[in-house]
Amino acid sequence: MKIQGCDCSIVIRTKHIELDVPYSEETIREAVSLLQEEASIEGNGQCKAIVKKNGVTGCVVTPLTIGTVPLLLYLAMGSVGKPVFISETRNLYRYQLDLLPMENSDCFDLIQDRGIERNVFEQCRVQGFELRFEREKPIKLKLDICGERSAYAYLYTDKIEKSTGEIFNSNNVTYKINGRDYSNIYGLTIIAKKESGTKTEIWIKRTINKDYELPNNIEKIIITATLLRDKYEHRHFGIFRITLNHLVLVSDETTVNSSDTVIGPNRYYVSGSVYTEVFTSGDVSL
């Protein structure tokens, strides 16, 4: 949610970077459990309840921009490798982000500013995420966040500079399946659950085309998102790439009941590895 008429913000802080993330929705709150005691027969009908705070829960939904994509995908995946310098560039580095279970993922702090109150949630982790590509729309990432520490008031009044920059759009995404480019994919959603291991599924919506029919088993799918502007050095900085290996078809929910173009969804389970490549300038560390 966003509070109308309020300059709200969500700030994510790691040991290397602090970033005010633009968001379209957030539901971050303290997780509570209710221990209820029923009144006895002789009582006056009232019930006593004890509220116990259990840390943090909720989600953040955000469009991916050139400034936020390295950090947000790092938090979603859970790990970051060592930066690799890109040859023939001045100051660009590539990171490979591997998908890890929540308990093995890196922690981060989250600062919630709702104008009238500021709270800090420390030692948060991402317990699952949803990354959605859909034609004519920005690429959006939903992070499901949890943590075991209770919030406390954030006393500093300094404003953290908001992240700005070009937003990644789903129209500028390519899909390569088993080495072949597929131009009939209308949308794709990656859903990952990270509690007690990782479980990843993808939903692929495609226009029905006999020349580009999806196979039941996909060895590799590479999703590459690119920004339109050409000012980014060697086009590396304005790119991120996701690779998923060994996909097995779970269900085909296509219903052909129209003479017009038919868009049908296929659901796949990812039985292999998942990793992401992102690029940063040398003065930005994850």
Protein backbone atom coordinates (compact mmCIF):
# COMPACT_ATOMS: atom_id res chain seq x y z
CA MET A 1 0.00 0.00 0.00
CA LYS A 2 0.95 3.66 -0.32
CA ILE A 3 -0.29 6.36 2.01
CA GLN A 4 -1.84 9.24 0.08
CA GLY A 5 -0.30 12.67 0.60
CA CYS A 6 2.75 11.25 2.37
CA ASP A 7 6.34 11.12 1.20
CA CYS A 8 6.79 7.43 2.01
CA SER A 9 9.86 5.39 1.28
CA ILE A 10 11.46 1.99 1.69
CA VAL A 11 15.23 1.97 2.18
CA ILE A 12 17.25 -1.23 1.86
CA ARG A 13 20.63 -1.31 3.57
CA THR A 14 23.40 -3.88 3.18
CA LYS A 15 27.00 -3.74 4.36
CA HIS A 16 28.02 -2.06 1.08
CA ILE A 17 25.05 0.00 -0.10
CA GLU A 18 22.02 1.94 1.13
CA LEU A 19 19.28 2.58 -1.41
CA ASP A 20 15.84 4.21 -1.36
CA VAL A 21 13.81 1.85 -3.55
CA PRO A 22 10.81 3.11 -5.59
CA TYR A 23 7.83 0.86 -4.98
CA SER A 24 4.24 0.45 -6.09
CA GLU A 25 3.13 -1.47 -3.01
CA GLU A 26 4.50 -2.46 0.41
CA THR A 27 2.96 -4.31 3.34
CA ILE A 28 5.93 -4.50 5.71
CA ARG A 29 4.78 -4.89 9.32
CA GLU A 30 5.62 -6.60 12.57
CA ALA A 31 4.65 -10.25 12.64
CA VAL A 32 2.51 -11.03 15.67
CA SER A 33 0.88 -14.11 17.13
CA LEU A 34 -2.16 -14.04 19.37
CA LEU A 35 -2.36 -16.29 22.39
CA GLN A 36 -6.03 -16.33 23.40
CA GLU A 37 -7.49 -17.49 26.69
CA GLU A 38 -11.20 -18.25 26.73
CA ALA A 39 -13.23 -17.07 29.71
CA SER A 40 -14.50 -19.72 32.12
CA ILE A 41 -18.18 -20.55 32.44
CA GLU A 42 -18.40 -18.44 35.61
CA GLY A 43 -16.73 -15.51 33.88
CA ASN A 44 -18.24 -12.35 32.51
CA GLY A 45 -17.88 -13.34 28.85
CA GLN A 46 -14.61 -11.50 28.24
CA CYS A 47 -11.58 -13.13 26.64
CA LYS A 48 -8.02 -12.24 27.52
CA ALA A 49 -5.39 -12.16 24.80
CA ILE A 50 -1.62 -11.88 24.80
CA VAL A 51 0.10 -10.48 21.71
CA LYS A 52 3.59 -11.77 20.97
CA LYS A 53 5.86 -10.04 18.45
CA ASN A 54 7.68 -12.40 16.09
CA GLY A 55 9.78 -10.14 13.89
CA VAL A 56 8.82 -8.86 10.45
CA THR A 57 6.61 -10.03 7.60
CA GLY A 58 5.17 -8.55 4.40
CA CYS A 59 6.21 -7.77 0.86
CA VAL A 60 7.56 -5.03 -1.39
CA VAL A 61 6.55 -4.72 -5.06
CA THR A 62 8.87 -2.60 -7.15
CA PRO A 63 9.64 -1.89 -10.82
CA LEU A 64 13.22 -2.69 -11.80
CA THR A 65 15.39 0.27 -12.81
CA ILE A 66 18.98 0.59 -13.90
CA GLY A 67 19.88 1.78 -10.40
CA THR A 68 18.01 -0.85 -8.37
CA VAL A 69 18.23 -4.05 -10.42
CA PRO A 70 21.66 -5.22 -9.13
CA LEU A 71 20.70 -4.85 -5.47
CA LEU A 72 17.13 -6.17 -5.73
CA LEU A 73 18.05 -9.25 -7.76
CA TYR A 74 20.94 -9.93 -5.37
CA LEU A 75 18.51 -9.94 -2.44
CA ALA A 76 16.03 -12.11 -4.35
CA MET A 77 18.61 -14.70 -5.33
CA GLY A 78 20.40 -14.61 -1.97
CA SER A 79 24.08 -14.64 -2.89
CA VAL A 80 26.63 -12.75 -4.92
CA GLY A 81 29.89 -13.93 -6.41
CA LYS A 82 33.06 -11.94 -6.86
CA PRO A 83 32.88 -9.15 -9.45
CA VAL A 84 34.49 -9.87 -12.82
CA PHE A 85 35.91 -6.97 -14.82
CA ILE A 86 34.46 -6.64 -18.33
CA SER A 87 37.30 -6.39 -20.80
CA GLU A 88 37.44 -3.45 -23.21
CA THR A 89 35.39 -1.29 -20.84
CA ARG A 90 36.51 1.48 -18.52
CA ASN A 91 34.83 0.57 -15.25
CA LEU A 92 32.22 -2.19 -15.65
CA TYR A 93 31.92 -5.38 -13.62
CA ARG A 94 29.72 -8.46 -13.90
CA TYR A 95 28.23 -10.31 -10.93
CA GLN A 96 26.73 -13.80 -10.99
CA LEU A 97 23.91 -14.24 -8.48
CA ASP A 98 23.00 -17.85 -7.60
CA LEU A 99 19.63 -18.82 -6.17
CA LEU A 100 20.01 -20.03 -2.57
CA PRO A 101 17.59 -21.18 0.15
CA MET A 102 16.46 -18.48 2.58
CA GLU A 103 18.54 -19.81 5.47
CA ASN A 104 21.71 -19.52 3.35
CA SER A 105 20.88 -16.11 1.89
CA ASP A 106 22.53 -12.86 2.93
CA CYS A 107 20.72 -10.60 5.39
CA PHE A 108 19.82 -6.94 4.97
CA ASP A 109 18.17 -4.13 6.93
CA LEU A 110 14.96 -2.43 5.86
CA ILE A 111 13.99 1.12 6.86
CA GLN A 112 10.31 1.95 6.50
CA ASP A 113 9.38 5.64 6.37
CA ARG A 114 5.66 6.37 6.38
CA GLY A 115 6.00 10.05 7.18
CA ILE A 116 4.55 9.96 10.68
CA GLU A 117 6.80 7.09 11.74
CA ARG A 118 10.08 5.51 10.77
CA ASN A 119 10.94 1.93 11.65
CA VAL A 120 14.01 -0.22 11.19
CA PHE A 121 13.75 -3.96 10.61
CA GLU A 122 17.14 -5.62 10.96
CA GLN A 123 18.44 -8.97 9.73
CA CYS A 124 15.74 -9.47 7.10
CA ARG A 125 15.77 -12.16 4.44
CA VAL A 126 13.78 -12.87 1.28
CA GLN A 127 11.70 -16.01 1.73
CA GLY A 128 10.32 -15.95 -1.81
CA PHE A 129 9.89 -13.72 -4.83
CA GLU A 130 7.88 -13.27 -8.00
CA LEU A 131 9.40 -11.67 -11.11
CA ARG A 132 6.89 -10.74 -13.78
CA PHE A 133 7.38 -9.88 -17.46
CA GLU A 134 4.31 -8.78 -19.45
CA ARG A 135 4.19 -6.93 -22.75
CA GLU A 136 3.55 -3.18 -22.61
CA LYS A 137 4.31 -3.11 -18.88
CA PRO A 138 7.35 -2.46 -16.65
CA ILE A 139 9.19 -5.49 -15.26
CA LYS A 140 8.13 -5.86 -11.63
CA LEU A 141 9.61 -7.77 -8.73
CA LYS A 142 7.74 -8.80 -5.60
CA LEU A 143 9.90 -9.65 -2.59
CA ASP A 144 8.35 -11.61 0.29
CA ILE A 145 10.34 -10.53 3.34
CA CYS A 146 10.67 -12.05 6.78
CA GLY A 147 12.87 -11.61 9.86
CA GLU A 148 13.04 -12.56 13.51
CA ARG A 149 13.89 -9.19 15.06
CA SER A 150 11.29 -6.69 16.19
CA ALA A 151 11.26 -3.20 14.74
CA TYR A 152 12.59 -0.12 16.50
CA ALA A 153 12.24 3.59 15.76
CA TYR A 154 14.61 5.14 13.23
CA LEU A 155 15.75 8.42 14.81
CA TYR A 156 17.81 9.95 12.00
CA THR A 157 16.12 12.69 9.99
CA ASP A 158 18.52 12.74 7.03
CA LYS A 159 16.86 11.91 3.73
CA ILE A 160 18.42 9.16 1.65
CA GLU A 161 18.59 10.00 -2.03
CA LYS A 162 15.94 8.20 -4.03
CA SER A 163 17.07 5.86 -6.77
CA THR A 164 16.19 7.15 -10.22
CA GLY A 165 16.89 5.97 -13.72
CA GLU A 166 15.38 4.21 -16.69
CA ILE A 167 12.83 1.48 -15.93
CA PHE A 168 13.16 -1.93 -17.56
CA ASN A 169 10.18 -2.67 -19.82
CA SER A 170 8.95 -6.11 -20.84
CA ASN A 171 8.84 -5.08 -24.50
CA ASN A 172 12.64 -5.09 -24.52
CA VAL A 173 13.07 -8.67 -23.31
CA THR A 174 14.30 -11.62 -25.39
CA TYR A 175 13.67 -15.29 -24.62
CA LYS A 176 16.07 -17.95 -25.84
CA ILE A 177 14.88 -21.54 -25.33
CA ASN A 178 17.25 -24.41 -26.10
CA GLY A 179 19.37 -22.02 -28.16
CA ARG A 180 16.47 -20.63 -30.23
CA ASP A 181 14.87 -17.19 -29.95
CA TYR A 182 11.12 -17.25 -29.31
CA SER A 183 9.26 -14.13 -30.42
CA ASN A 184 5.76 -15.36 -29.56
CA ILE A 185 6.11 -15.14 -25.76
CA TYR A 186 3.60 -12.62 -24.43
CA GLY A 187 4.55 -12.82 -20.75
CA LEU A 188 6.55 -14.85 -18.27
CA THR A 189 6.45 -15.10 -14.48
CA ILE A 190 9.14 -16.65 -12.27
CA ILE A 191 7.91 -17.76 -8.83
CA ALA A 192 10.49 -18.91 -6.28
CA LYS A 193 9.92 -20.23 -2.75
CA LYS A 194 13.07 -20.34 -0.63
CA GLU A 195 12.06 -21.84 2.72
CA SER A 196 13.73 -25.20 3.51
CA GLY A 197 15.31 -25.37 0.07
CA THR A 198 14.32 -23.73 -3.20
CA LYS A 199 11.32 -24.46 -5.38
CA THR A 200 11.03 -22.53 -8.62
CA GLU A 201 8.27 -22.48 -11.22
CA ILE A 202 7.72 -20.38 -14.31
CA TRP A 203 4.51 -19.56 -16.14
CA ILE A 204 5.00 -18.86 -19.84
CA LYS A 205 2.20 -17.13 -21.77
CA ARG A 206 2.67 -17.44 -25.51
CA THR A 207 0.62 -16.81 -28.62
CA ILE A 208 -0.18 -20.11 -30.32
CA ASN A 209 2.17 -20.61 -33.27
CA LYS A 210 2.95 -24.04 -34.67
CA ASP A 211 6.45 -22.91 -35.67
CA TYR A 212 7.25 -21.77 -32.11
CA GLU A 213 5.54 -24.37 -29.96
CA LEU A 214 7.15 -24.83 -26.55
CA PRO A 215 8.75 -28.23 -25.84
CA ASN A 216 7.63 -30.30 -22.86
CA ASN A 217 11.20 -30.39 -21.54
CA ILE A 218 13.39 -27.29 -21.75
CA GLU A 219 17.10 -27.75 -21.17
CA LYS A 220 17.82 -24.04 -20.84
CA ILE A 221 15.95 -20.77 -21.06
CA ILE A 222 17.81 -17.45 -21.09
CA ILE A 223 15.84 -14.26 -20.38
CA THR A 224 17.63 -11.03 -21.30
CA ALA A 225 16.24 -7.59 -20.44
CA THR A 226 17.78 -4.56 -22.14
CA LEU A 227 17.29 -0.83 -21.80
CA LEU A 228 16.57 1.20 -24.94
CA ARG A 229 19.04 4.02 -24.51
CA ASP A 230 22.45 3.53 -26.10
CA LYS A 231 24.52 5.60 -23.68
CA TYR A 232 25.42 2.57 -21.54
CA GLU A 233 28.92 1.38 -22.17
CA HIS A 234 28.97 -1.61 -24.52
CA ARG A 235 25.30 -2.13 -23.60
CA HIS A 236 26.41 -4.13 -20.55
CA PHE A 237 25.34 -1.72 -17.82
CA GLY A 238 21.76 -1.57 -19.13
CA ILE A 239 21.25 -5.36 -19.11
CA PHE A 240 20.37 -8.17 -16.77
CA ARG A 241 20.09 -11.83 -17.68
CA ILE A 242 18.42 -14.80 -15.97
CA THR A 243 19.26 -18.41 -16.83
CA LEU A 244 17.11 -21.39 -15.77
CA ASN A 245 18.15 -24.98 -16.45
CA HIS A 246 16.18 -28.21 -16.85
CA LEU A 247 12.50 -27.25 -16.95
CA VAL A 248 9.76 -29.88 -16.93
CA LEU A 249 6.22 -29.17 -18.12
CA VAL A 250 3.71 -29.45 -15.27
CA SER A 251 0.54 -28.34 -17.05
CA ASP A 252 -0.65 -26.79 -20.32
CA GLU A 253 -3.71 -24.65 -19.58
CA THR A 254 -4.32 -23.43 -23.11
CA THR A 255 -7.98 -23.18 -24.12
CA VAL A 256 -8.65 -22.62 -27.81
CA ASN A 257 -12.15 -21.17 -28.09
CA SER A 258 -11.60 -18.18 -30.35
CA SER A 259 -10.81 -17.56 -33.99
CA ASP A 260 -8.54 -14.65 -32.99
CA THR A 261 -5.02 -14.90 -31.60
CA VAL A 262 -4.91 -17.31 -28.68
CA ILE A 263 -2.61 -16.72 -25.70
CA GLY A 264 -2.04 -19.90 -23.72
CA PRO A 265 -0.14 -20.42 -20.43
CA ASN A 266 2.30 -23.25 -19.79
CA ARG A 267 3.52 -24.04 -16.29
CA TYR A 268 7.00 -25.48 -15.79
CA TYR A 269 8.90 -26.76 -12.76
CA VAL A 270 12.60 -25.85 -12.66
CA SER A 271 14.61 -28.91 -11.63
CA GLY A 272 18.06 -27.43 -12.33
CA SER A 273 20.05 -24.36 -11.38
CA VAL A 274 18.91 -20.74 -11.52
CA TYR A 275 21.27 -17.78 -11.70
CA THR A 276 21.28 -14.13 -12.73
CA GLU A 277 23.91 -11.87 -14.27
CA VAL A 278 23.93 -8.16 -13.44
CA PHE A 279 26.37 -5.36 -14.21
CA THR A 280 27.57 -2.42 -12.14
CA SER A 281 30.09 0.36 -12.41
CA GLY A 282 33.26 0.03 -10.37
CA ASP A 283 32.13 2.44 -7.67
CA VAL A 284 29.10 0.29 -6.78
CA SER A 285 29.57 -2.84 -4.66
CA LEU A 286 26.90 -5.37 -3.73
